[in-house]
Protein backbone atom coordinates (compact mmCIF):
# COMPACT_ATOMS: atom_id res chain seq x y z
CA MET A 1 29.41 151.09 80.47
CA THR A 2 32.92 151.07 81.75
CA THR A 3 35.31 148.53 80.21
CA ALA A 4 37.93 146.53 82.04
CA TYR A 5 40.68 148.64 80.39
CA GLN A 6 38.98 151.88 81.40
CA ALA A 7 38.55 150.62 85.17
CA LEU A 8 42.31 149.73 85.34
CA ALA A 9 43.41 152.93 83.62
CA GLY A 10 41.18 154.98 86.31
CA LYS A 11 42.50 152.88 89.23
CA VAL A 12 46.23 153.67 87.89
CA GLN A 13 45.36 157.52 87.22
CA GLY A 14 44.01 157.74 90.79
CA ILE A 15 46.99 156.23 92.24
CA ILE A 16 49.18 158.56 90.08
CA ALA A 17 46.99 161.71 91.22
CA ALA A 18 47.42 160.46 95.02
CA GLN A 19 51.19 160.15 94.86
CA ASP A 20 51.29 163.59 93.13
CA LEU A 21 53.59 161.98 90.28
CA ASN A 22 54.52 163.78 87.01
CA VAL A 23 54.32 161.71 84.12
CA ALA A 24 57.00 163.45 82.21
CA VAL A 25 59.62 163.06 85.28
CA ASP A 26 58.34 160.00 87.29
CA GLY A 27 58.11 157.45 84.32
CA LEU A 28 60.17 154.52 86.44
CA ALA A 29 57.69 154.85 89.35
CA ILE A 30 54.36 155.06 87.01
CA ARG A 31 55.48 151.86 85.04
CA ARG A 32 55.89 150.07 88.42
CA ILE A 33 52.35 151.38 89.46
CA ILE A 34 51.04 150.15 86.23
CA GLU A 35 52.64 146.75 86.34
CA THR A 36 51.62 146.27 89.89
CA GLU A 37 47.97 147.21 89.25
CA THR A 38 47.68 145.33 86.05
CA GLU A 39 48.85 142.08 87.92
CA ARG A 40 46.33 142.96 90.85
CA PHE A 41 43.49 143.55 88.46
CA GLN A 42 44.22 140.40 86.36
CA ARG A 43 44.33 138.24 89.70
CA ASP A 44 41.31 139.77 90.81
CA THR A 45 39.12 139.12 87.80
CA THR A 46 40.70 135.51 87.56
CA ILE A 47 39.42 134.36 91.08
CA GLY A 48 36.25 136.15 90.18
CA ALA A 49 36.62 139.12 92.91
CA SER A 50 35.84 141.47 89.94
CA ARG A 51 32.98 141.83 87.58
CA TYR A 52 35.25 141.91 84.64
CA GLN A 53 36.67 139.35 82.57
CA PRO A 54 40.77 138.71 82.74
CA PHE A 55 42.82 140.13 80.06
CA ALA A 56 43.80 137.76 77.33
CA ASP A 57 47.33 139.44 77.21
CA PRO A 58 48.09 141.37 80.47
CA SER A 59 51.46 142.58 79.31
CA ASP A 60 50.06 144.16 76.12
CA VAL A 61 47.40 145.90 78.20
CA ALA A 62 50.05 147.18 80.51
CA ALA A 63 52.32 148.38 77.59
CA ARG A 64 49.06 150.03 76.13
CA LEU A 65 48.33 151.81 79.43
CA ALA A 66 52.05 153.12 79.77
CA ARG A 67 51.61 154.65 76.17
CA ASP A 68 48.40 156.04 76.97
CA LEU A 69 49.86 157.68 80.22
CA GLU A 70 53.46 158.77 78.87
CA GLY A 71 52.82 159.09 75.19
CA VAL A 72 49.84 160.92 73.40
CA GLY A 73 47.51 157.90 73.87
CA ALA A 74 47.61 154.58 71.83
CA GLU A 75 44.98 155.63 69.25
CA ILE A 76 46.48 158.98 68.71
CA GLU A 77 49.98 157.62 68.52
CA GLU A 78 48.83 155.34 65.69
CA LEU A 79 47.25 158.39 63.89
CA VAL A 80 50.32 160.43 64.17
CA ALA A 81 52.70 157.53 62.90
CA ASP A 82 50.53 157.46 59.74
CA PRO A 83 52.20 159.65 57.18
CA ILE A 84 48.83 160.44 55.31
CA VAL A 85 47.11 161.74 58.43
CA GLU A 86 47.17 165.56 58.32
CA GLU A 87 44.47 166.44 60.95
CA ILE A 88 42.91 164.85 63.90
CA TYR A 89 39.93 165.92 65.49
CA GLY A 90 38.61 165.08 69.01
CA ASN A 91 35.27 165.54 70.74
CA ASP A 92 35.30 163.99 74.04
CA GLY A 93 35.61 160.25 73.39
CA GLU A 94 35.20 160.43 69.74
CA LEU A 95 38.05 160.80 67.29
CA THR A 96 37.81 161.61 63.63
CA TYR A 97 40.89 162.33 61.23
CA ARG A 98 41.47 163.74 57.66
CA THR A 99 44.02 162.25 55.31
CA THR A 100 46.02 163.87 52.55
CA THR A 101 43.82 162.29 49.97
CA GLY A 102 40.87 164.51 51.29
CA ASP A 103 39.18 161.56 53.14
CA THR A 104 37.41 162.18 56.62
CA ARG A 105 37.16 158.90 58.68
CA GLY A 106 36.43 158.22 62.20
CA VAL A 107 38.15 155.80 64.70
CA ALA A 108 35.86 152.88 65.26
CA THR A 109 36.61 152.48 68.98
CA PRO A 110 35.74 155.61 71.29
CA VAL A 111 38.33 156.64 73.78
CA SER A 112 38.24 157.69 77.19
CA PRO A 113 37.33 161.42 77.37
CA VAL A 114 39.10 161.86 80.89
CA ALA A 115 42.31 159.88 79.38
CA LEU A 116 42.07 162.09 76.17
CA LEU A 117 41.74 165.27 78.27
CA ARG A 118 45.01 164.31 80.24
CA THR A 119 46.93 163.41 76.97
CA VAL A 120 46.11 166.98 75.68
CA GLN A 121 46.83 168.72 79.00
CA ARG A 122 50.36 166.80 78.90
CA LEU A 123 51.08 168.05 75.41
CA VAL A 124 50.05 171.60 76.12
CA ALA A 125 52.09 171.49 79.30
CA SER A 126 55.10 170.26 77.46
CA ALA A 127 54.89 173.39 75.33
CA GLY A 128 54.94 175.59 78.45
CA GLU A 129 51.21 176.30 78.15
CA GLU A 130 48.26 175.61 80.52
CA LEU A 131 45.07 174.00 80.01
CA ASP A 132 42.70 173.82 83.10
CA ALA A 133 39.69 175.74 84.41
CA SER A 134 41.19 178.96 84.72
CA HIS A 135 42.85 178.45 80.93
CA PRO A 136 39.98 176.67 79.37
CA ARG A 137 41.43 177.10 75.87
CA ALA A 138 44.90 176.38 73.72
CA ASP A 139 45.12 178.43 70.52
CA GLY A 140 47.51 176.88 67.89
CA VAL A 141 50.12 175.64 70.29
CA ARG A 142 53.24 173.99 68.66
CA VAL A 143 53.55 170.54 70.43
CA PHE A 144 56.29 167.74 69.79
CA LEU A 145 54.85 164.40 69.03
CA PRO A 146 56.47 160.68 68.96
CA GLY A 147 58.92 160.36 65.93
CA GLY A 148 60.02 163.86 66.26
CA ARG A 149 57.07 164.99 64.45
CA GLN A 150 55.62 168.42 65.38
CA GLY A 151 51.99 169.51 65.46
CA ARG A 152 49.76 172.54 66.04
CA LEU A 153 47.19 171.91 68.76
CA THR A 154 43.93 173.75 69.27
CA ALA A 155 41.93 172.70 72.35
CA SER A 156 38.84 173.69 74.55
CA ILE A 157 37.67 172.32 77.85
CA ALA A 158 35.16 173.14 80.37
CA PRO A 159 33.90 175.66 81.22
CA ARG A 160 34.48 177.05 77.77
CA ILE A 161 32.46 174.02 76.21
CA ASP A 162 29.85 171.63 77.80
CA GLY A 163 31.82 168.40 77.14
CA ILE A 164 35.11 167.35 78.60
CA ILE A 165 37.48 167.81 75.86
CA SER A 166 37.44 169.22 72.20
CA PHE A 167 40.49 169.58 70.10
CA THR A 168 42.05 169.73 66.62
CA LEU A 169 45.76 168.59 66.14
CA ARG A 170 47.05 169.67 62.90
CA LEU A 171 50.20 167.40 61.62
CA PRO A 172 52.50 169.32 58.89
CA GLN A 173 53.02 167.16 56.24
CA LYS A 174 56.45 166.34 54.12
CA ARG A 175 54.75 167.31 51.05
CA ASN A 176 57.76 167.25 48.65
CA THR A 177 55.20 168.80 46.25
CA THR A 178 56.04 170.32 42.73
CA LEU A 179 53.97 172.32 40.41
CA ASP A 180 54.14 169.28 38.11
CA ASP A 181 52.58 167.44 41.08
CA LEU A 182 49.59 169.73 41.17
CA VAL A 183 48.99 169.54 37.60
CA GLY A 184 48.79 165.60 38.12
CA PHE A 185 46.48 166.11 41.05
CA GLY A 186 44.40 168.31 38.84
CA SER A 187 44.73 171.30 41.03
CA LEU A 188 46.52 173.14 38.23
CA SER A 189 46.34 173.12 34.33
CA GLN A 190 49.76 172.70 32.62
CA ALA A 191 49.79 176.18 31.28
CA ALA A 192 48.82 177.60 34.68
CA ALA A 193 51.51 175.71 36.22
CA GLN A 194 54.28 177.04 33.60
CA PHE A 195 52.97 180.59 34.34
CA LEU A 196 53.71 180.12 38.24
CA ARG A 197 56.97 178.73 37.30
CA VAL A 198 57.96 181.54 35.35
CA LEU A 199 56.80 183.88 38.25
CA MET A 200 59.24 181.98 40.44
CA LEU A 201 61.96 183.33 38.14
CA VAL A 202 61.09 186.92 38.24
CA PRO A 203 63.08 188.89 40.79
CA ARG A 204 61.27 190.62 43.72
CA LEU A 205 57.91 189.26 42.53
CA LYS A 206 55.15 189.55 45.32
CA LEU A 207 52.66 186.64 45.15
CA LEU A 208 49.69 186.36 47.55
CA ILE A 209 47.89 182.95 48.03
CA VAL A 210 44.39 183.30 49.31
CA GLY A 211 41.82 180.59 50.54
CA PRO A 212 39.82 179.11 53.25
CA PRO A 213 41.50 177.04 56.00
CA GLY A 214 42.43 173.41 54.57
CA SER A 215 42.44 174.55 50.82
CA GLY A 216 45.86 173.72 50.02
CA LYS A 217 47.65 177.13 50.45
CA THR A 218 50.67 175.60 52.15
CA THR A 219 50.96 172.78 49.47
CA LEU A 220 50.87 175.35 46.89
CA ILE A 221 53.49 177.59 48.56
CA GLU A 222 55.77 174.29 48.91
CA ALA A 223 55.42 173.93 45.06
CA CYS A 224 56.46 177.39 44.34
CA LEU A 225 59.28 177.23 46.58
CA ARG A 226 60.57 174.24 44.88
CA ALA A 227 60.61 176.19 41.44
CA VAL A 228 62.70 178.94 43.16
CA THR A 229 65.91 179.49 41.52
CA PRO A 230 68.62 178.02 43.93
CA ARG A 231 70.80 181.14 43.72
CA ARG A 232 68.12 183.40 45.25
CA ARG A 233 68.45 183.87 49.00
CA THR A 234 65.04 182.82 50.68
CA ILE A 235 63.97 183.30 54.45
CA VAL A 236 60.80 181.15 55.48
CA ALA A 237 59.24 182.47 58.70
CA GLU A 238 56.56 180.31 60.24
CA GLU A 239 54.64 179.88 63.33
CA ASN A 240 54.82 176.04 62.77
CA ARG A 241 57.17 174.38 60.55
CA GLU A 242 54.92 173.09 57.56
CA LEU A 243 57.13 173.86 54.48
CA THR A 244 59.89 171.46 53.65
CA ALA A 245 61.28 172.56 50.27
CA PRO A 246 65.03 172.36 50.27
CA LEU A 247 66.70 175.97 50.47
CA LEU A 248 70.30 175.71 48.97
CA ASN A 249 70.50 179.44 49.82
CA GLY A 250 68.21 180.17 52.63
CA GLU A 251 67.05 179.35 56.02
CA TYR A 252 63.82 178.34 57.87
CA TRP A 253 62.92 180.49 61.12
CA ALA A 254 60.06 179.63 63.43
CA THR A 255 58.59 181.92 66.20
CA SER A 256 59.20 181.13 69.83
CA LYS A 257 58.07 182.52 73.25
CA VAL A 258 60.72 185.40 72.57
CA GLU A 259 59.92 185.98 69.03
CA ASP A 260 56.76 186.48 67.08
CA LEU A 261 56.04 186.79 63.27
CA SER A 262 56.68 190.55 63.33
CA ASP A 263 60.02 189.97 65.01
CA LEU A 264 60.91 187.48 62.49
CA ILE A 265 60.07 189.51 59.36
CA ARG A 266 62.07 192.62 60.93
CA SER A 267 65.20 190.35 61.14
CA ALA A 268 64.71 189.01 57.71
CA ARG A 269 64.54 192.60 56.40
CA VAL A 270 67.66 193.40 57.97
CA ALA A 271 69.20 190.11 56.38
CA SER A 272 68.35 191.38 53.08
CA PRO A 273 67.26 188.14 51.30
CA ALA A 274 65.65 188.11 47.94
CA LEU A 275 62.50 186.29 48.99
CA ILE A 276 60.64 186.32 52.25
CA VAL A 277 57.98 183.38 52.47
CA LEU A 278 55.16 183.56 55.21
CA GLY A 279 53.15 180.61 55.52
CA GLU A 280 50.24 182.31 57.10
CA LEU A 281 49.52 186.14 57.87
CA LYS A 282 46.92 186.59 60.79
CA GLY A 283 48.03 189.65 62.70
CA GLY A 284 50.11 192.89 62.98
CA GLU A 285 53.01 190.97 61.12
CA ALA A 286 51.01 191.73 57.92
CA TRP A 287 52.17 195.40 58.18
CA ASP A 288 55.85 194.25 58.56
CA LEU A 289 55.36 192.39 55.13
CA VAL A 290 54.43 195.66 53.68
CA LEU A 291 57.56 197.27 54.83
CA ALA A 292 59.55 194.43 53.50
CA GLY A 293 57.97 194.44 50.29
CA ASN A 294 58.48 198.32 50.00
CA LEU A 295 62.26 197.47 50.22
CA GLY A 296 62.51 195.64 47.15
CA THR A 297 62.20 192.26 48.61
CA GLY A 298 60.50 189.32 46.91
CA VAL A 299 57.44 188.15 48.85
CA ILE A 300 55.29 184.90 48.93
CA ALA A 301 52.37 184.91 51.64
CA ALA A 302 49.16 183.26 52.36
CA VAL A 303 45.92 184.65 54.00
CA HIS A 304 42.44 183.19 55.00
CA ALA A 305 39.71 184.47 52.72
CA ASP A 306 36.77 183.66 50.52
CA SER A 307 37.89 185.11 47.35
CA ALA A 308 40.95 186.57 45.54
CA SER A 309 39.85 190.03 46.02
CA LEU A 310 38.69 189.52 49.68
CA GLY A 311 42.35 188.43 50.45
CA PHE A 312 43.26 192.13 50.56
CA ASP A 313 40.38 193.01 53.14
CA ALA A 314 41.80 190.18 55.29
CA LEU A 315 45.14 191.51 55.00
CA ALA A 316 44.10 195.13 55.81
CA THR A 317 42.08 193.57 59.03
CA ALA A 318 45.20 191.65 60.32
CA ALA A 319 47.48 194.72 59.52
CA SER A 320 45.12 197.18 61.39
CA MET A 321 46.24 195.77 64.68
CA ALA A 322 49.77 197.29 63.92
CA VAL A 323 48.66 200.47 62.43
CA PRO A 324 45.23 201.47 64.04
CA ALA A 325 45.61 204.90 63.05
CA MET A 326 45.12 204.08 59.31
CA SER A 327 41.80 203.32 57.83
CA ALA A 328 41.01 200.02 56.21
CA ALA A 329 40.76 201.59 52.81
CA GLN A 330 44.36 202.96 53.10
CA ILE A 331 45.61 199.68 54.51
CA ARG A 332 44.25 197.81 51.73
CA ASP A 333 45.60 200.31 49.09
CA GLN A 334 49.07 199.44 50.46
CA PHE A 335 48.62 195.66 49.74
CA ALA A 336 47.16 196.33 46.55
CA ARG A 337 50.20 198.07 45.53
CA ILE A 338 52.71 195.75 46.94
CA PHE A 339 51.46 192.44 45.40
CA ASP A 340 51.70 191.41 41.62
CA VAL A 341 49.78 188.34 41.46
CA VAL A 342 47.07 186.93 43.73
CA VAL A 343 46.00 182.95 43.70
CA PHE A 344 42.69 181.55 44.98
CA VAL A 345 42.84 178.16 46.38
CA ASP A 346 39.48 176.47 46.94
CA LEU A 347 37.95 173.22 48.30
CA ASP A 348 35.00 171.23 48.23
CA ASP A 349 34.00 168.78 50.93
CA GLY A 350 30.32 168.60 50.41
CA ASP A 351 29.78 164.98 50.65
CA GLY A 352 31.67 165.11 54.09
CA GLU A 353 33.80 162.43 53.36
CA ARG A 354 36.16 163.51 50.66
CA THR A 355 37.69 166.87 49.82
CA VAL A 356 38.59 168.24 46.61
CA ARG A 357 41.05 171.08 46.64
CA GLN A 358 42.03 172.93 43.59
CA VAL A 359 43.55 176.44 42.31
CA THR A 360 40.43 178.26 41.03
CA GLU A 361 41.75 181.66 40.12
CA ILE A 362 45.35 183.34 39.15
CA SER A 363 44.94 186.91 38.93
CA ILE A 364 47.11 189.96 38.27
CA VAL A 365 46.55 193.04 40.61
CA PRO A 366 46.51 196.07 38.22
CA PRO A 367 46.60 199.71 39.22
CA GLN A 368 43.45 200.44 41.29
CA MET A 369 40.86 202.97 40.19
CA SER A 370 38.91 202.86 43.35
CA THR A 371 39.37 202.55 47.29
CA ALA A 372 36.07 200.49 47.67
CA ALA A 373 37.79 197.14 46.97
CA VAL A 374 40.68 195.79 45.21
CA ALA A 375 40.00 194.57 41.89
CA VAL A 376 41.85 191.80 40.31
CA THR A 377 42.20 190.73 36.62
CA PRO A 378 41.87 186.86 36.25
CA ILE A 379 44.39 185.23 33.94
CA PHE A 380 43.58 181.76 34.50
CA ALA A 381 40.34 180.56 36.21
CA ARG A 382 37.58 177.87 36.80
CA THR A 383 33.78 178.63 36.79
CA ASP A 384 33.77 176.13 39.68
CA ILE A 385 35.50 173.39 41.36
CA GLY A 386 35.86 170.28 39.03
CA GLU A 387 35.51 172.60 35.87
CA PRO A 388 38.43 172.97 33.62
CA MET A 389 41.04 175.80 34.36
CA GLU A 390 40.85 178.09 31.26
CA LEU A 391 43.01 181.11 30.17
CA HIS A 392 40.74 184.26 30.51
CA ALA A 393 43.30 187.04 29.66
CA THR A 394 46.84 187.48 28.39
CA ASP A 395 47.49 190.99 29.37
CA LEU A 396 49.76 191.08 32.42
CA GLY A 397 50.42 194.96 32.28
CA PRO A 398 53.52 196.34 30.78
CA LEU A 399 55.52 196.00 33.91
CA LEU A 400 55.00 192.56 34.92
CA GLU A 401 55.09 191.42 31.26
CA SER A 402 58.57 193.03 30.96
CA LYS A 403 59.91 191.17 34.08
CA CYS A 404 58.49 187.96 32.85
CA ASN A 405 60.00 188.24 29.60
CA ARG A 406 63.31 189.24 30.91
CA ALA A 407 63.48 186.06 33.06
CA LEU A 408 62.44 184.08 30.10
CA ARG A 409 65.28 185.35 27.84
CA ARG A 410 67.54 182.24 28.51
CA HIS A 411 64.48 179.99 27.91
CA ARG A 412 63.91 181.63 24.44
CA VAL A 413 60.31 182.02 24.77
CA THR A 414 58.08 184.93 25.67
CA ILE A 415 55.36 184.99 28.44
CA ALA A 416 52.59 185.28 25.79
CA GLU A 417 53.79 181.75 24.50
CA VAL A 418 53.79 180.46 27.82
CA LEU A 419 50.15 181.62 28.61
CA SER A 420 48.82 180.13 25.44
CA GLY A 421 50.61 176.86 26.07
CA THR A 422 52.88 177.07 22.77
CA GLY A 423 56.00 177.83 24.66
CA VAL A 424 57.66 175.55 27.18
CA LEU A 425 60.51 176.22 29.83
CA ARG A 426 63.58 174.29 29.00
């Protein structure tokens, strides 16, 4: 059943469409239409010329309608303004959101699917993209939201889907998360956090972070970045700005219509930083990262996969777009030679309402004896999410152990003491 608000909104949207007005340009004209039609609607309902009841506060209704037409919709705008909301999902009129605490909640009042479609189309259009019957999808489009916040929008419309609109809006968080915070959250043990802190002191270290979507890879990178020594020049390259750690000696770069991640990595190599950080590897840019690593640059990167070992298969698949002449085994071997340590981050959302995210494995990448798959050696690991993180091995290999001990000289501890929990960085 159509509500009074939906009926008024439909009338206003029809007038805007008939006059071919653009909400991004003709804001004043649209507000006049909203005010006029709200007054007319209120008068008709008051004298009984409409089946709807009068609005209790017509000025509030007009303001809400203006937000829906010119902003991103009242309901979405409220969620975007909430700092703990990290992802919003829409399926026609149903809205669901996930918070930084792992909770998944639904918006009690359904919204108009048509109004939601127009809102998403406006966001996509503001990013220079199209979302219509001839372009029925938007994949990870960077959009700008009220309050200066950015988001990453993925959407589908008919004929790609049966309904009117389906979308996911990811909202980067100002995490300000440290390794100590992750210990407090239960994501890391104290000894494992100390080990990662040591690794951030090691020059030219290559660290790969692996996990499924939403498992906390970006949060872990943020915490590691905050442990990097300030004098180490760092360049962070992302498609969508999500990392916020302060860089006293470095820069944040983002992709654009004229530069993709491969371009950014190539430029970073020329800039000769001590550390290159990639929030997520999905395509041919993975091969450019191999080239950067071979030049002696430190690397922190993330990739989607279901285990620490399978992270290298995911990298090989992504990099194959750039070097199709090489076999998957050859590419995978290159990545196994590059990375020193791989961390697996997992999540459990089995109850559908609360998500638990934890680091479940920190492994070294030893010299490989076979090309069938990449074998890793767990240093810290859990038997399952929720179980304690335990020390499994202390043999890092002579090269990595030597690098760690060199970095720890001024702290007057050894890496063996750090791993066992008897040595603490001062």
